[in-house]
PDB file of N, CA and C in Angstrom:
ATOM      1  N   MET A   1     -50.405  83.130 -28.690  1.00  0.00           N
ATOM      2  CA  MET A   1     -51.850  83.201 -28.558  1.00  0.00           C
ATOM      3  C   MET A   1     -52.317  82.424 -27.333  1.00  0.00           C
ATOM      4  N   ALA A   2     -51.822  81.212 -27.170  1.00  0.00           N
ATOM      5  CA  ALA A   2     -52.207  80.385 -26.022  1.00  0.00           C
ATOM      6  C   ALA A   2     -51.730  81.039 -24.730  1.00  0.00           C
ATOM      7  N   LYS A   3     -50.552  81.669 -24.795  1.00  0.00           N
ATOM      8  CA  LYS A   3     -50.011  82.329 -23.609  1.00  0.00           C
ATOM      9  C   LYS A   3     -50.920  83.486 -23.194  1.00  0.00           C
ATOM     10  N   ASN A   4     -51.378  84.280 -24.166  1.00  0.00           N
ATOM     11  CA  ASN A   4     -52.284  85.394 -23.866  1.00  0.00           C
ATOM     12  C   ASN A   4     -53.600  84.892 -23.294  1.00  0.00           C
ATOM     13  N   PHE A   5     -54.089  83.765 -23.835  1.00  0.00           N
ATOM     14  CA  PHE A   5     -55.341  83.194 -23.334  1.00  0.00           C
ATOM     15  C   PHE A   5     -55.175  82.751 -21.882  1.00  0.00           C
ATOM     16  N   LEU A   6     -54.062  82.099 -21.555  1.00  0.00           N
ATOM     17  CA  LEU A   6     -53.812  81.650 -20.181  1.00  0.00           C
ATOM     18  C   LEU A   6     -53.671  82.824 -19.225  1.00  0.00           C
ATOM     19  N   LEU A   7     -53.004  83.878 -19.672  1.00  0.00           N
ATOM     20  CA  LEU A   7     -52.864  85.069 -18.830  1.00  0.00           C
ATOM     21  C   LEU A   7     -54.222  85.724 -18.576  1.00  0.00           C
ATOM     22  N   ALA A   8     -55.058  85.785 -19.599  1.00  0.00           N
ATOM     23  CA  ALA A   8     -56.383  86.368 -19.440  1.00  0.00           C
ATOM     24  C   ALA A   8     -57.237  85.513 -18.501  1.00  0.00           C
ATOM     25  N   ALA A   9     -57.139  84.199 -18.632  1.00  0.00           N
ATOM     26  CA  ALA A   9     -57.893  83.294 -17.761  1.00  0.00           C
ATOM     27  C   ALA A   9     -57.425  83.432 -16.315  1.00  0.00           C
ATOM     28  N   ALA A  10     -56.116  83.547 -16.121  1.00  0.00           N
ATOM     29  CA  ALA A  10     -55.578  83.719 -14.772  1.00  0.00           C
ATOM     30  C   ALA A  10     -56.034  85.040 -14.168  1.00  0.00           C
ATOM     31  N   ALA A  11     -56.047  86.097 -14.965  1.00  0.00           N
ATOM     32  CA  ALA A  11     -56.494  87.403 -14.471  1.00  0.00           C
ATOM     33  C   ALA A  11     -57.966  87.368 -14.084  1.00  0.00           C
ATOM     34  N   LEU A  12     -58.797  86.736 -14.911  1.00  0.00           N
ATOM     35  CA  LEU A  12     -60.218  86.621 -14.586  1.00  0.00           C
ATOM     36  C   LEU A  12     -60.434  85.783 -13.329  1.00  0.00           C
ATOM     37  N   SER A  13     -59.638  84.734 -13.177  1.00  0.00           N
ATOM     38  CA  SER A  13     -59.739  83.904 -11.967  1.00  0.00           C
ATOM     39  C   SER A  13     -59.394  84.711 -10.725  1.00  0.00           C
ATOM     40  N   CYS A  14     -58.354  85.526 -10.811  1.00  0.00           N
ATOM     41  CA  CYS A  14     -57.960  86.367  -9.671  1.00  0.00           C
ATOM     42  C   CYS A  14     -59.057  87.359  -9.324  1.00  0.00           C
ATOM     43  N   ILE A  15     -59.650  87.963 -10.327  1.00  0.00           N
ATOM     44  CA  ILE A  15     -60.731  88.932 -10.094  1.00  0.00           C
ATOM     45  C   ILE A  15     -61.916  88.234  -9.438  1.00  0.00           C
ATOM     46  N   PHE A  16     -62.268  87.058  -9.935  1.00  0.00           N
ATOM     47  CA  PHE A  16     -63.390  86.308  -9.377  1.00  0.00           C
ATOM     48  C   PHE A  16     -63.123  85.915  -7.928  1.00  0.00           C
ATOM     49  N   LEU A  17     -61.921  85.393  -7.654  1.00  0.00           N
ATOM     50  CA  LEU A  17     -61.593  84.984  -6.287  1.00  0.00           C
ATOM     51  C   LEU A  17     -61.546  86.171  -5.337  1.00  0.00           C
ATOM     52  N   THR A  18     -61.055  87.294  -5.803  1.00  0.00           N
ATOM     53  CA  THR A  18     -61.026  88.491  -4.970  1.00  0.00           C
ATOM     54  C   THR A  18     -62.440  88.955  -4.640  1.00  0.00           C
ATOM     55  N   ALA A  19     -63.316  88.921  -5.604  1.00  0.00           N
ATOM     56  CA  ALA A  19     -64.703  89.345  -5.379  1.00  0.00           C
ATOM     57  C   ALA A  19     -65.416  88.401  -4.423  1.00  0.00           C
ATOM     58  N   CYS A  20     -65.137  87.115  -4.524  1.00  0.00           N
ATOM     59  CA  CYS A  20     -65.802  86.124  -3.666  1.00  0.00           C
ATOM     60  C   CYS A  20     -65.250  86.116  -2.256  1.00  0.00           C
ATOM     61  N   SER A  21     -64.018  86.531  -2.069  1.00  0.00           N
ATOM     62  CA  SER A  21     -63.406  86.446  -0.750  1.00  0.00           C
ATOM     63  C   SER A  21     -63.582  87.710   0.076  1.00  0.00           C
ATOM     64  N   GLY A  22     -64.256  88.709  -0.420  1.00  0.00           N
ATOM     65  CA  GLY A  22     -64.477  89.936   0.337  1.00  0.00           C
ATOM     66  C   GLY A  22     -65.348  89.691   1.550  1.00  0.00           C
ATOM     67  N   THR A  23     -65.189  90.507   2.569  1.00  0.00           N
ATOM     68  CA  THR A  23     -65.949  90.322   3.807  1.00  0.00           C
ATOM     69  C   THR A  23     -67.312  90.977   3.749  1.00  0.00           C
ATOM     70  N   SER A  24     -67.633  91.644   2.647  1.00  0.00           N
ATOM     71  CA  SER A  24     -68.924  92.332   2.574  1.00  0.00           C
ATOM     72  C   SER A  24     -70.094  91.363   2.589  1.00  0.00           C
ATOM     73  N   GLY A  25     -69.869  90.105   2.197  1.00  0.00           N
ATOM     74  CA  GLY A  25     -70.933  89.117   2.174  1.00  0.00           C
ATOM     75  C   GLY A  25     -71.188  88.471   3.528  1.00  0.00           C
ATOM     76  N   TYR A  26     -70.349  88.724   4.492  1.00  0.00           N
ATOM     77  CA  TYR A  26     -70.510  88.111   5.799  1.00  0.00           C
ATOM     78  C   TYR A  26     -71.653  88.773   6.542  1.00  0.00           C
ATOM     79  N   ARG A  27     -72.416  87.938   7.209  1.00  0.00           N
ATOM     80  CA  ARG A  27     -73.574  88.441   7.939  1.00  0.00           C
ATOM     81  C   ARG A  27     -73.175  88.849   9.336  1.00  0.00           C
ATOM     82  N   GLN A  28     -73.979  89.684   9.923  1.00  0.00           N
ATOM     83  CA  GLN A  28     -73.762  90.109  11.298  1.00  0.00           C
ATOM     84  C   GLN A  28     -74.176  89.001  12.247  1.00  0.00           C
ATOM     85  N   ALA A  29     -73.970  89.227  13.530  1.00  0.00           N
ATOM     86  CA  ALA A  29     -74.313  88.233  14.537  1.00  0.00           C
ATOM     87  C   ALA A  29     -75.789  87.865  14.453  1.00  0.00           C
ATOM     88  N   PHE A  30     -76.057  86.597  14.609  1.00  0.00           N
ATOM     89  CA  PHE A  30     -77.417  86.073  14.583  1.00  0.00           C
ATOM     90  C   PHE A  30     -78.140  86.517  15.851  1.00  0.00           C
ATOM     91  N   ILE A  31     -79.330  87.029  15.702  1.00  0.00           N
ATOM     92  CA  ILE A  31     -80.111  87.464  16.852  1.00  0.00           C
ATOM     93  C   ILE A  31     -81.374  86.627  16.906  1.00  0.00           C
ATOM     94  N   ALA A  32     -81.500  85.885  17.988  1.00  0.00           N
ATOM     95  CA  ALA A  32     -82.681  85.032  18.154  1.00  0.00           C
ATOM     96  C   ALA A  32     -83.832  85.887  18.656  1.00  0.00           C
ATOM     97  N   HIS A  33     -84.801  86.147  17.816  1.00  0.00           N
ATOM     98  CA  HIS A  33     -85.970  86.961  18.159  1.00  0.00           C
ATOM     99  C   HIS A  33     -87.226  86.111  18.103  1.00  0.00           C
ATOM    100  N   ALA A  34     -88.307  86.696  18.528  1.00  0.00           N
ATOM    101  CA  ALA A  34     -89.593  86.000  18.510  1.00  0.00           C
ATOM    102  C   ALA A  34     -90.005  85.631  17.087  1.00  0.00           C
ATOM    103  N   ASP A  35     -89.537  86.396  16.088  1.00  0.00           N
ATOM    104  CA  ASP A  35     -89.916  86.087  14.711  1.00  0.00           C
ATOM    105  C   ASP A  35     -89.237  84.809  14.211  1.00  0.00           C
ATOM    106  N   ARG A  36     -88.300  84.278  14.987  1.00  0.00           N
ATOM    107  CA  ARG A  36     -87.643  83.022  14.641  1.00  0.00           C
ATOM    108  C   ARG A  36     -88.056  81.919  15.608  1.00  0.00           C
ATOM    109  N   SER A  37     -89.232  82.049  16.219  1.00  0.00           N
ATOM    110  CA  SER A  37     -89.665  81.062  17.198  1.00  0.00           C
ATOM    111  C   SER A  37     -89.769  79.684  16.561  1.00  0.00           C
ATOM    112  N   GLY A  38     -89.463  78.680  17.352  1.00  0.00           N
ATOM    113  CA  GLY A  38     -89.506  77.314  16.858  1.00  0.00           C
ATOM    114  C   GLY A  38     -88.225  76.864  16.200  1.00  0.00           C
ATOM    115  N   LEU A  39     -87.264  77.760  16.013  1.00  0.00           N
ATOM    116  CA  LEU A  39     -85.992  77.402  15.386  1.00  0.00           C
ATOM    117  C   LEU A  39     -84.913  77.264  16.455  1.00  0.00           C
ATOM    118  N   ASP A  40     -84.010  76.356  16.257  1.00  0.00           N
ATOM    119  CA  ASP A  40     -82.880  76.164  17.154  1.00  0.00           C
ATOM    120  C   ASP A  40     -81.774  77.131  16.724  1.00  0.00           C
ATOM    121  N   PRO A  41     -81.369  78.059  17.586  1.00  0.00           N
ATOM    122  CA  PRO A  41     -80.373  79.049  17.169  1.00  0.00           C
ATOM    123  C   PRO A  41     -79.021  78.437  16.798  1.00  0.00           C
ATOM    124  N   LEU A  42     -78.670  77.296  17.378  1.00  0.00           N
ATOM    125  CA  LEU A  42     -77.404  76.662  17.011  1.00  0.00           C
ATOM    126  C   LEU A  42     -77.466  76.044  15.628  1.00  0.00           C
ATOM    127  N   LEU A  43     -78.567  75.386  15.328  1.00  0.00           N
ATOM    128  CA  LEU A  43     -78.688  74.694  14.052  1.00  0.00           C
ATOM    129  C   LEU A  43     -79.170  75.596  12.923  1.00  0.00           C
ATOM    130  N   ASP A  44     -80.042  76.539  13.223  1.00  0.00           N
ATOM    131  CA  ASP A  44     -80.707  77.314  12.180  1.00  0.00           C
ATOM    132  C   ASP A  44     -80.099  78.686  11.922  1.00  0.00           C
ATOM    133  N   ALA A  45     -78.998  79.005  12.583  1.00  0.00           N
ATOM    134  CA  ALA A  45     -78.325  80.275  12.309  1.00  0.00           C
ATOM    135  C   ALA A  45     -77.819  80.269  10.869  1.00  0.00           C
ATOM    136  N   PRO A  46     -77.864  81.404  10.207  1.00  0.00           N
ATOM    137  CA  PRO A  46     -77.372  81.464   8.824  1.00  0.00           C
ATOM    138  C   PRO A  46     -75.879  81.124   8.750  1.00  0.00           C
ATOM    139  N   VAL A  47     -75.482  80.498   7.657  1.00  0.00           N
ATOM    140  CA  VAL A  47     -74.074  80.184   7.420  1.00  0.00           C
ATOM    141  C   VAL A  47     -73.280  81.484   7.415  1.00  0.00           C
ATOM    142  N   ARG A  48     -72.069  81.437   7.924  1.00  0.00           N
ATOM    143  CA  ARG A  48     -71.128  82.559   8.064  1.00  0.00           C
ATOM    144  C   ARG A  48     -71.454  83.476   9.237  1.00  0.00           C
ATOM    145  N   THR A  49     -72.479  83.153  10.018  1.00  0.00           N
ATOM    146  CA  THR A  49     -72.772  83.947  11.206  1.00  0.00           C
ATOM    147  C   THR A  49     -71.583  83.847  12.152  1.00  0.00           C
ATOM    148  N   GLN A  50     -71.202  84.966  12.742  1.00  0.00           N
ATOM    149  CA  GLN A  50     -70.092  84.992  13.684  1.00  0.00           C
ATOM    150  C   GLN A  50     -70.604  85.528  15.014  1.00  0.00           C
ATOM    151  N   THR A  51     -70.139  84.933  16.106  1.00  0.00           N
ATOM    152  CA  THR A  51     -70.543  85.403  17.427  1.00  0.00           C
ATOM    153  C   THR A  51     -69.445  85.103  18.429  1.00  0.00           C
ATOM    154  N   ALA A  52     -69.515  85.765  19.569  1.00  0.00           N
ATOM    155  CA  ALA A  52     -68.539  85.570  20.644  1.00  0.00           C
ATOM    156  C   ALA A  52     -69.220  84.874  21.814  1.00  0.00           C
ATOM    157  N   CYS A  53     -68.484  83.976  22.443  1.00  0.00           N
ATOM    158  CA  CYS A  53     -68.987  83.230  23.595  1.00  0.00           C
ATOM    159  C   CYS A  53     -67.927  83.256  24.684  1.00  0.00           C
ATOM    160  N   LYS A  54     -68.387  83.148  25.931  1.00  0.00           N
ATOM    161  CA  LYS A  54     -67.432  83.103  27.043  1.00  0.00           C
ATOM    162  C   LYS A  54     -67.728  81.892  27.900  1.00  0.00           C
ATOM    163  N   GLY A  55     -66.686  81.382  28.532  1.00  0.00           N
ATOM    164  CA  GLY A  55     -66.824  80.216  29.382  1.00  0.00           C
ATOM    165  C   GLY A  55     -67.712  80.523  30.579  1.00  0.00           C
ATOM    166  N   VAL A  56     -68.572  79.580  30.923  1.00  0.00           N
ATOM    167  CA  VAL A  56     -69.469  79.757  32.055  1.00  0.00           C
ATOM    168  C   VAL A  56     -68.681  79.721  33.365  1.00  0.00           C
ATOM    169  N   GLU A  57     -67.676  78.865  33.416  1.00  0.00           N
ATOM    170  CA  GLU A  57     -66.814  78.746  34.588  1.00  0.00           C
ATOM    171  C   GLU A  57     -65.368  78.931  34.146  1.00  0.00           C
ATOM    172  N   LEU A  58     -64.461  78.822  35.101  1.00  0.00           N
ATOM    173  CA  LEU A  58     -63.044  78.861  34.767  1.00  0.00           C
ATOM    174  C   LEU A  58     -62.617  77.493  34.259  1.00  0.00           C
ATOM    175  N   PHE A  59     -61.734  77.492  33.272  1.00  0.00           N
ATOM    176  CA  PHE A  59     -61.203  76.247  32.733  1.00  0.00           C
ATOM    177  C   PHE A  59     -60.016  75.838  33.582  1.00  0.00           C
ATOM    178  N   SER A  60     -60.008  74.585  34.043  1.00  0.00           N
ATOM    179  CA  SER A  60     -58.925  74.127  34.907  1.00  0.00           C
ATOM    180  C   SER A  60     -58.210  72.933  34.298  1.00  0.00           C
ATOM    181  N   ALA A  61     -57.015  72.673  34.806  1.00  0.00           N
ATOM    182  CA  ALA A  61     -56.194  71.567  34.312  1.00  0.00           C
ATOM    183  C   ALA A  61     -56.932  70.250  34.508  1.00  0.00           C
ATOM    184  N   GLY A  62     -56.811  69.376  33.540  1.00  0.00           N
ATOM    185  CA  GLY A  62     -57.448  68.073  33.618  1.00  0.00           C
ATOM    186  C   GLY A  62     -58.854  68.047  33.049  1.00  0.00           C
ATOM    187  N   GLU A  63     -59.415  69.199  32.792  1.00  0.00           N
ATOM    188  CA  GLU A  63     -60.766  69.273  32.227  1.00  0.00           C
ATOM    189  C   GLU A  63     -60.677  69.124  30.712  1.00  0.00           C
ATOM    190  N   LYS A  64     -61.634  68.407  30.138  1.00  0.00           N
ATOM    191  CA  LYS A  64     -61.653  68.240  28.684  1.00  0.00           C
ATOM    192  C   LYS A  64     -62.292  69.457  28.042  1.00  0.00           C
ATOM    193  N   LEU A  65     -61.629  69.993  27.048  1.00  0.00           N
ATOM    194  CA  LEU A  65     -62.116  71.196  26.372  1.00  0.00           C
ATOM    195  C   LEU A  65     -63.434  70.939  25.649  1.00  0.00           C
ATOM    196  N   GLY A  66     -63.620  69.748  25.110  1.00  0.00           N
ATOM    197  CA  GLY A  66     -64.843  69.434  24.376  1.00  0.00           C
ATOM    198  C   GLY A  66     -66.095  69.504  25.241  1.00  0.00           C
ATOM    199  N   GLY A  67     -65.969  69.249  26.530  1.00  0.00           N
ATOM    200  CA  GLY A  67     -67.123  69.287  27.425  1.00  0.00           C
ATOM    201  C   GLY A  67     -67.271  70.589  28.166  1.00  0.00           C
ATOM    202  N   PHE A  68     -66.399  71.560  27.878  1.00  0.00           N
ATOM    203  CA  PHE A  68     -66.450  72.861  28.553  1.00  0.00           C
ATOM    204  C   PHE A  68     -67.640  73.669  28.029  1.00  0.00           C
ATOM    205  N   VAL A  69     -68.400  74.273  28.937  1.00  0.00           N
ATOM    206  CA  VAL A  69     -69.633  74.979  28.566  1.00  0.00           C
ATOM    207  C   VAL A  69     -69.342  76.458  28.309  1.00  0.00           C
ATOM    208  N   PHE A  70     -69.853  76.942  27.172  1.00  0.00           N
ATOM    209  CA  PHE A  70     -69.738  78.352  26.802  1.00  0.00           C
ATOM    210  C   PHE A  70     -71.120  78.982  26.757  1.00  0.00           C
ATOM    211  N   GLU A  71     -71.176  80.241  27.142  1.00  0.00           N
ATOM    212  CA  GLU A  71     -72.411  81.027  27.051  1.00  0.00           C
ATOM    213  C   GLU A  71     -72.285  81.942  25.840  1.00  0.00           C
ATOM    214  N   CYS A  72     -73.276  81.861  24.944  1.00  0.00           N
ATOM    215  CA  CYS A  72     -73.280  82.669  23.725  1.00  0.00           C
ATOM    216  C   CYS A  72     -74.501  83.587  23.768  1.00  0.00           C
ATOM    217  N   PRO A  73     -74.341  84.827  24.257  1.00  0.00           N
ATOM    218  CA  PRO A  73     -75.496  85.705  24.428  1.00  0.00           C
ATOM    219  C   PRO A  73     -76.215  86.067  23.131  1.00  0.00           C
ATOM    220  N   ASP A  74     -75.504  86.188  22.010  1.00  0.00           N
ATOM    221  CA  ASP A  74     -76.161  86.512  20.741  1.00  0.00           C
ATOM    222  C   ASP A  74     -77.102  85.400  20.300  1.00  0.00           C
ATOM    223  N   LEU A  75     -76.756  84.167  20.653  1.00  0.00           N
ATOM    224  CA  LEU A  75     -77.577  83.017  20.294  1.00  0.00           C
ATOM    225  C   LEU A  75     -78.568  82.653  21.400  1.00  0.00           C
ATOM    226  N   ASP A  76     -78.359  83.235  22.579  1.00  0.00           N
ATOM    227  CA  ASP A  76     -79.185  82.960  23.751  1.00  0.00           C
ATOM    228  C   ASP A  76     -79.131  81.473  24.108  1.00  0.00           C
ATOM    229  N   VAL A  77     -77.897  80.904  24.106  1.00  0.00           N
ATOM    230  CA  VAL A  77     -77.718  79.499  24.450  1.00  0.00           C
ATOM    231  C   VAL A  77     -76.472  79.313  25.311  1.00  0.00           C
ATOM    232  N   GLU A  78     -76.461  78.212  26.037  1.00  0.00           N
ATOM    233  CA  GLU A  78     -75.267  77.696  26.683  1.00  0.00           C
ATOM    234  C   GLU A  78     -75.036  76.324  26.082  1.00  0.00           C
ATOM    235  N   ALA A  79     -73.815  76.087  25.600  1.00  0.00           N
ATOM    236  CA  ALA A  79     -73.529  74.822  24.933  1.00  0.00           C
ATOM    237  C   ALA A  79     -72.071  74.449  25.132  1.00  0.00           C
ATOM    238  N   THR A  80     -71.813  73.142  25.096  1.00  0.00           N
ATOM    239  CA  THR A  80     -70.431  72.685  25.167  1.00  0.00           C
ATOM    240  C   THR A  80     -69.775  72.895  23.812  1.00  0.00           C
ATOM    241  N   LEU A  81     -68.469  72.826  23.820  1.00  0.00           N
ATOM    242  CA  LEU A  81     -67.731  72.968  22.568  1.00  0.00           C
ATOM    243  C   LEU A  81     -68.101  71.843  21.599  1.00  0.00           C
ATOM    244  N   ASN A  82     -68.326  70.644  22.117  1.00  0.00           N
ATOM    245  CA  ASN A  82     -68.755  69.530  21.255  1.00  0.00           C
ATOM    246  C   ASN A  82     -70.115  69.814  20.628  1.00  0.00           C
ATOM    247  N   GLU A  83     -71.054  70.375  21.390  1.00  0.00           N
ATOM    248  CA  GLU A  83     -72.381  70.698  20.856  1.00  0.00           C
ATOM    249  C   GLU A  83     -72.285  71.769  19.774  1.00  0.00           C
ATOM    250  N   LEU A  84     -71.439  72.776  20.004  1.00  0.00           N
ATOM    251  CA  LEU A  84     -71.246  73.820  18.999  1.00  0.00           C
ATOM    252  C   LEU A  84     -70.668  73.232  17.716  1.00  0.00           C
ATOM    253  N   ARG A  85     -69.669  72.370  17.866  1.00  0.00           N
ATOM    254  CA  ARG A  85     -69.043  71.746  16.701  1.00  0.00           C
ATOM    255  C   ARG A  85     -70.048  70.897  15.924  1.00  0.00           C
ATOM    256  N   ASP A  86     -70.836  70.096  16.650  1.00  0.00           N
ATOM    257  CA  ASP A  86     -71.808  69.229  15.989  1.00  0.00           C
ATOM    258  C   ASP A  86     -72.898  70.016  15.270  1.00  0.00           C
ATOM    259  N   ALA A  87     -73.166  71.236  15.720  1.00  0.00           N
ATOM    260  CA  ALA A  87     -74.188  72.062  15.088  1.00  0.00           C
ATOM    261  C   ALA A  87     -73.638  72.876  13.919  1.00  0.00           C
ATOM    262  N   GLY A  88     -72.361  72.696  13.584  1.00  0.00           N
ATOM    263  CA  GLY A  88     -71.799  73.368  12.416  1.00  0.00           C
ATOM    264  C   GLY A  88     -70.981  74.609  12.714  1.00  0.00           C
ATOM    265  N   TRP A  89     -70.622  74.831  13.955  1.00  0.00           N
ATOM    266  CA  TRP A  89     -69.836  75.999  14.338  1.00  0.00           C
ATOM    267  C   TRP A  89     -68.370  75.605  14.450  1.00  0.00           C
ATOM    268  N   ARG A  90     -67.482  76.536  14.098  1.00  0.00           N
ATOM    269  CA  ARG A  90     -66.048  76.321  14.225  1.00  0.00           C
ATOM    270  C   ARG A  90     -65.422  77.510  14.943  1.00  0.00           C
ATOM    271  N   ILE A  91     -64.377  77.231  15.710  1.00  0.00           N
ATOM    272  CA  ILE A  91     -63.670  78.289  16.439  1.00  0.00           C
ATOM    273  C   ILE A  91     -62.786  79.061  15.470  1.00  0.00           C
ATOM    274  N   GLU A  92     -62.924  80.374  15.500  1.00  0.00           N
ATOM    275  CA  GLU A  92     -62.029  81.227  14.723  1.00  0.00           C
ATOM    276  C   GLU A  92     -60.926  81.797  15.606  1.00  0.00           C
ATOM    277  N   LYS A  93     -61.279  82.035  16.868  1.00  0.00           N
ATOM    278  CA  LYS A  93     -60.319  82.661  17.772  1.00  0.00           C
ATOM    279  C   LYS A  93     -60.627  82.199  19.188  1.00  0.00           C
ATOM    280  N   MET A  94     -59.588  81.888  19.957  1.00  0.00           N
ATOM    281  CA  MET A  94     -59.755  81.538  21.357  1.00  0.00           C
ATOM    282  C   MET A  94     -58.858  82.444  22.179  1.00  0.00           C
ATOM    283  N   SER A  95     -59.429  83.042  23.202  1.00  0.00           N
ATOM    284  CA  SER A  95     -58.687  83.915  24.088  1.00  0.00           C
ATOM    285  C   SER A  95     -58.606  83.252  25.461  1.00  0.00           C
ATOM    286  N   ILE A  96     -57.393  83.041  25.914  1.00  0.00           N
ATOM    287  CA  ILE A  96     -57.169  82.410  27.213  1.00  0.00           C
ATOM    288  C   ILE A  96     -56.697  83.500  28.172  1.00  0.00           C
ATOM    289  N   GLY A  97     -57.468  83.717  29.221  1.00  0.00           N
ATOM    290  CA  GLY A  97     -57.160  84.783  30.178  1.00  0.00           C
ATOM    291  C   GLY A  97     -56.084  84.383  31.171  1.00  0.00           C
ATOM    292  N   LYS A  98     -55.808  85.300  32.055  1.00  0.00           N
ATOM    293  CA  LYS A  98     -54.805  85.096  33.091  1.00  0.00           C
ATOM    294  C   LYS A  98     -55.360  84.168  34.160  1.00  0.00           C
ATOM    295  N   GLN A  99     -54.505  83.314  34.695  1.00  0.00           N
ATOM    296  CA  GLN A  99     -54.925  82.353  35.710  1.00  0.00           C
ATOM    297  C   GLN A  99     -55.462  83.066  36.948  1.00  0.00           C
ATOM    298  N   ILE A 100     -56.571  82.536  37.464  1.00  0.00           N
ATOM    299  CA  ILE A 100     -57.223  83.086  38.644  1.00  0.00           C
ATOM    300  C   ILE A 100     -57.244  82.011  39.714  1.00  0.00           C
ATOM    301  N   VAL A 101     -56.927  82.393  40.951  1.00  0.00           N
ATOM    302  CA  VAL A 101     -56.975  81.462  42.075  1.00  0.00           C
ATOM    303  C   VAL A 101     -58.074  81.922  43.015  1.00  0.00           C
ATOM    304  N   GLU A 102     -59.057  81.044  43.226  1.00  0.00           N
ATOM    305  CA  GLU A 102     -60.171  81.337  44.129  1.00  0.00           C
ATOM    306  C   GLU A 102     -60.367  80.157  45.063  1.00  0.00           C
ATOM    307  N   SER A 103     -60.339  80.399  46.335  1.00  0.00           N
ATOM    308  CA  SER A 103     -60.565  79.385  47.377  1.00  0.00           C
ATOM    309  C   SER A 103     -59.861  78.065  47.067  1.00  0.00           C
ATOM    310  N   ASN A 104     -58.548  78.135  46.920  1.00  0.00           N
ATOM    311  CA  ASN A 104     -57.684  76.982  46.664  1.00  0.00           C
ATOM    312  C   ASN A 104     -57.962  76.275  45.341  1.00  0.00           C
ATOM    313  N   GLU A 105     -58.707  76.880  44.452  1.00  0.00           N
ATOM    314  CA  GLU A 105     -58.931  76.350  43.113  1.00  0.00           C
ATOM    315  C   GLU A 105     -58.436  77.381  42.118  1.00  0.00           C
ATOM    316  N   SER A 106     -57.854  76.888  41.029  1.00  0.00           N
ATOM    317  CA  SER A 106     -57.361  77.819  40.021  1.00  0.00           C
ATOM    318  C   SER A 106     -57.904  77.442  38.654  1.00  0.00           C
ATOM    319  N   GLY A 107     -57.955  78.419  37.799  1.00  0.00           N
ATOM    320  CA  GLY A 107     -58.425  78.203  36.442  1.00  0.00           C
ATOM    321  C   GLY A 107     -58.217  79.452  35.619  1.00  0.00           C
ATOM    322  N   THR A 108     -58.513  79.339  34.350  1.00  0.00           N
ATOM    323  CA  THR A 108     -58.371  80.481  33.452  1.00  0.00           C
ATOM    324  C   THR A 108     -59.687  80.721  32.715  1.00  0.00           C
ATOM    325  N   PRO A 109     -60.051  81.977  32.524  1.00  0.00           N
ATOM    326  CA  PRO A 109     -61.253  82.268  31.731  1.00  0.00           C
ATOM    327  C   PRO A 109     -60.975  82.032  30.249  1.00  0.00           C
ATOM    328  N   LEU A 110     -61.957  81.471  29.560  1.00  0.00           N
ATOM    329  CA  LEU A 110     -61.841  81.230  28.128  1.00  0.00           C
ATOM    330  C   LEU A 110     -62.934  82.001  27.396  1.00  0.00           C
ATOM    331  N   ASN A 111     -62.571  82.623  26.309  1.00  0.00           N
ATOM    332  CA  ASN A 111     -63.517  83.283  25.407  1.00  0.00           C
ATOM    333  C   ASN A 111     -63.221  82.784  23.994  1.00  0.00           C
ATOM    334  N   ILE A 112     -64.284  82.579  23.227  1.00  0.00           N
ATOM    335  CA  ILE A 112     -64.089  82.117  21.852  1.00  0.00           C
ATOM    336  C   ILE A 112     -64.923  82.974  20.900  1.00  0.00           C
ATOM    337  N   THR A 113     -64.433  83.071  19.689  1.00  0.00           N
ATOM    338  CA  THR A 113     -65.206  83.630  18.589  1.00  0.00           C
ATOM    339  C   THR A 113     -65.452  82.476  17.641  1.00  0.00           C
ATOM    340  N   ILE A 114     -66.725  82.238  17.323  1.00  0.00           N
ATOM    341  CA  ILE A 114     -67.084  81.113  16.487  1.00  0.00           C
ATOM    342  C   ILE A 114     -67.827  81.584  15.236  1.00  0.00           C
ATOM    343  N   ARG A 115     -67.782  80.745  14.209  1.00  0.00           N
ATOM    344  CA  ARG A 115     -68.482  81.054  12.961  1.00  0.00           C
ATOM    345  C   ARG A 115     -69.225  79.806  12.501  1.00  0.00           C
ATOM    346  N   LYS A 116     -70.433  80.016  12.004  1.00  0.00           N
ATOM    347  CA  LYS A 116     -71.258  78.937  11.464  1.00  0.00           C
ATOM    348  C   LYS A 116     -70.730  78.596  10.069  1.00  0.00           C
ATOM    349  N   VAL A 117     -70.294  77.349   9.869  1.00  0.00           N
ATOM    350  CA  VAL A 117     -69.745  76.960   8.570  1.00  0.00           C
ATOM    351  C   VAL A 117     -70.668  76.065   7.762  1.00  0.00           C
ATOM    352  N   TYR A 118     -71.631  75.415   8.409  1.00  0.00           N
ATOM    353  CA  TYR A 118     -72.631  74.630   7.669  1.00  0.00           C
ATOM    354  C   TYR A 118     -73.867  74.469   8.492  1.00  0.00           C
TER     355      TYR A 118
END
């Protein structure tokens, strides 16, 4: 009897976790419109919002990643990685491009996909 109860509880737990972990509850990219005037798009974006950002400049050796500036067009902001982190955003994916050499300087383009976690 206890074994059947534990199996039933485990099955219900699996069903509940599967229902909660589906991606259907995830929101689309946050769009800063006039109807949201007065709100900070970094701080006031809904939780689970996902967006893509690209580096404003090329990332070069010796540069600190935390101070690197990203442009996030969906949020209509430019912010450093530290500012994004402090506002509740976390990196889900980072894409590092091929090294580019321009006028004796080299660097790589960086793109990130971030999600609002709190």
